[in-house]
Amino acid sequence: MKTEKENYFDLVYQVVRLIPKGKVTSYGTIANYLGLKSGARMVGYAMNACHSQPDVPAHRVVNRNGLLTGKHHFSPPERMQQLLESEGIRIVNDKIQDFEKHFWSPNEIKLEE
């Protein structure tokens, strides 16, 4: 039986899997989408725990200012930047350039009726 934390992590992973290549979102945006306004830290914990799941693109989740704050959980730490750059995102000093252009919100998901 899964704990509440594991179920929450699964919800986070479902959202992260929807982030298109070349786009990023923030920890807080995912938390807000899931109804936890102060849950950005919990989203961060979920991202830190997902590195054994290759289908979860954790590199596409950054802080609200476009900083690669999760890079230290990648091996090597430069891997997060490499993955983003391979998707056409330019990084300078650990910050995404043109952050607004690359930002994606789960609210953009169009559900089929």
Protein backbone atom coordinates (compact mmCIF):
# COMPACT_ATOMS: atom_id res chain seq x y z
CA MET A 1 0.00 0.00 0.00
CA LYS A 2 1.36 3.41 -0.98
CA THR A 3 1.83 6.17 1.53
CA GLU A 4 0.29 9.61 1.04
CA LYS A 5 3.74 10.93 0.08
CA GLU A 6 4.19 8.23 -2.59
CA ASN A 7 0.75 9.01 -4.04
CA TYR A 8 1.62 12.71 -4.14
CA PHE A 9 4.92 11.95 -5.86
CA ASP A 10 3.03 9.90 -8.48
CA LEU A 11 0.76 12.90 -9.18
CA VAL A 12 3.81 15.14 -9.56
CA TYR A 13 5.39 12.65 -11.97
CA GLN A 14 2.23 12.52 -14.07
CA VAL A 15 2.38 16.30 -14.52
CA VAL A 16 6.14 16.35 -15.20
CA ARG A 17 5.74 13.70 -17.93
CA LEU A 18 3.47 16.16 -19.78
CA ILE A 19 6.07 18.96 -20.03
CA PRO A 20 6.97 19.20 -23.73
CA LYS A 21 10.57 19.12 -24.93
CA GLY A 22 12.04 22.60 -24.99
CA LYS A 23 9.74 23.77 -22.18
CA VAL A 24 10.15 24.06 -18.42
CA THR A 25 7.93 24.68 -15.45
CA SER A 26 8.48 25.49 -11.80
CA TYR A 27 8.08 23.56 -8.58
CA GLY A 28 5.46 26.04 -7.38
CA THR A 29 3.45 25.87 -10.60
CA ILE A 30 3.15 22.10 -10.27
CA ALA A 31 2.21 22.41 -6.58
CA ASN A 32 -0.46 25.01 -7.39
CA TYR A 33 -1.86 22.86 -10.18
CA LEU A 34 -2.16 19.95 -7.74
CA GLY A 35 -3.88 22.19 -5.18
CA LEU A 36 -1.02 22.60 -2.73
CA LYS A 37 -0.17 26.29 -2.76
CA SER A 38 2.77 25.87 -0.39
CA GLY A 39 3.89 22.52 -1.77
CA ALA A 40 6.81 23.64 -3.96
CA ARG A 41 9.25 22.01 -1.56
CA MET A 42 7.34 18.73 -1.76
CA VAL A 43 7.55 18.87 -5.56
CA GLY A 44 11.30 19.34 -5.12
CA TYR A 45 11.45 16.24 -2.93
CA ALA A 46 9.56 14.32 -5.61
CA MET A 47 12.03 15.49 -8.28
CA ASN A 48 14.97 14.45 -6.11
CA ALA A 49 13.44 10.99 -5.67
CA CYS A 50 12.67 10.32 -9.34
CA HIS A 51 16.13 9.82 -10.83
CA SER A 52 15.56 6.07 -11.11
CA GLN A 53 12.57 6.77 -13.39
CA PRO A 54 13.91 7.61 -16.85
CA ASP A 55 10.46 8.58 -18.15
CA VAL A 56 10.23 11.54 -15.72
CA PRO A 57 12.04 14.56 -17.24
CA ALA A 58 13.09 16.12 -13.94
CA HIS A 59 15.49 18.45 -15.76
CA ARG A 60 12.44 20.42 -17.00
CA VAL A 61 11.48 21.54 -13.48
CA VAL A 62 13.27 24.66 -12.20
CA ASN A 63 12.64 27.34 -9.63
CA ARG A 64 10.24 30.24 -10.21
CA ASN A 65 13.05 32.45 -11.51
CA GLY A 66 14.35 29.92 -14.03
CA LEU A 67 17.33 28.87 -11.93
CA LEU A 68 18.62 25.29 -12.10
CA THR A 69 18.35 24.78 -8.35
CA GLY A 70 17.96 21.01 -8.72
CA LYS A 71 21.17 20.50 -10.66
CA HIS A 72 23.03 19.09 -7.65
CA HIS A 73 20.75 16.05 -7.73
CA PHE A 74 21.97 15.10 -11.20
CA SER A 75 25.11 13.10 -11.83
CA PRO A 76 27.17 14.95 -12.79
CA PRO A 77 25.57 18.28 -11.78
CA GLU A 78 26.16 19.65 -15.30
CA ARG A 79 23.77 17.00 -16.68
CA MET A 80 20.65 19.10 -16.02
CA GLN A 81 22.03 21.98 -18.09
CA GLN A 82 23.18 19.59 -20.84
CA LEU A 83 19.72 18.06 -21.12
CA LEU A 84 18.02 21.45 -21.31
CA GLU A 85 20.51 22.74 -23.87
CA SER A 86 19.94 19.63 -25.99
CA GLU A 87 16.29 20.73 -26.15
CA GLY A 88 17.20 24.22 -27.37
CA ILE A 89 17.14 26.07 -24.05
CA ARG A 90 20.01 28.48 -23.45
CA ILE A 91 21.49 28.62 -19.95
CA VAL A 92 23.80 31.32 -18.58
CA ASN A 93 25.11 31.16 -15.00
CA ASP A 94 22.62 28.39 -14.10
CA LYS A 95 19.68 30.51 -15.33
CA ILE A 96 17.38 29.87 -18.27
CA GLN A 97 17.52 32.67 -20.81
CA ASP A 98 14.15 33.85 -22.16
CA PHE A 99 12.49 31.97 -19.31
CA GLU A 100 9.01 33.26 -20.18
CA LYS A 101 9.36 31.92 -23.74
CA HIS A 102 10.20 28.42 -22.47
CA PHE A 103 7.76 28.38 -19.54
CA TRP A 104 4.95 25.82 -19.63
CA SER A 105 2.00 25.55 -17.27
CA PRO A 106 -0.07 22.41 -16.67
CA ASN A 107 -3.08 24.69 -17.07
CA GLU A 108 -2.28 24.64 -20.79
CA ILE A 109 -3.29 20.98 -20.96
CA LYS A 110 -6.29 20.54 -23.17
CA LEU A 111 -8.34 17.62 -21.92
CA GLU A 112 -10.37 15.58 -24.36
CA GLU A 113 -14.08 15.60 -23.71
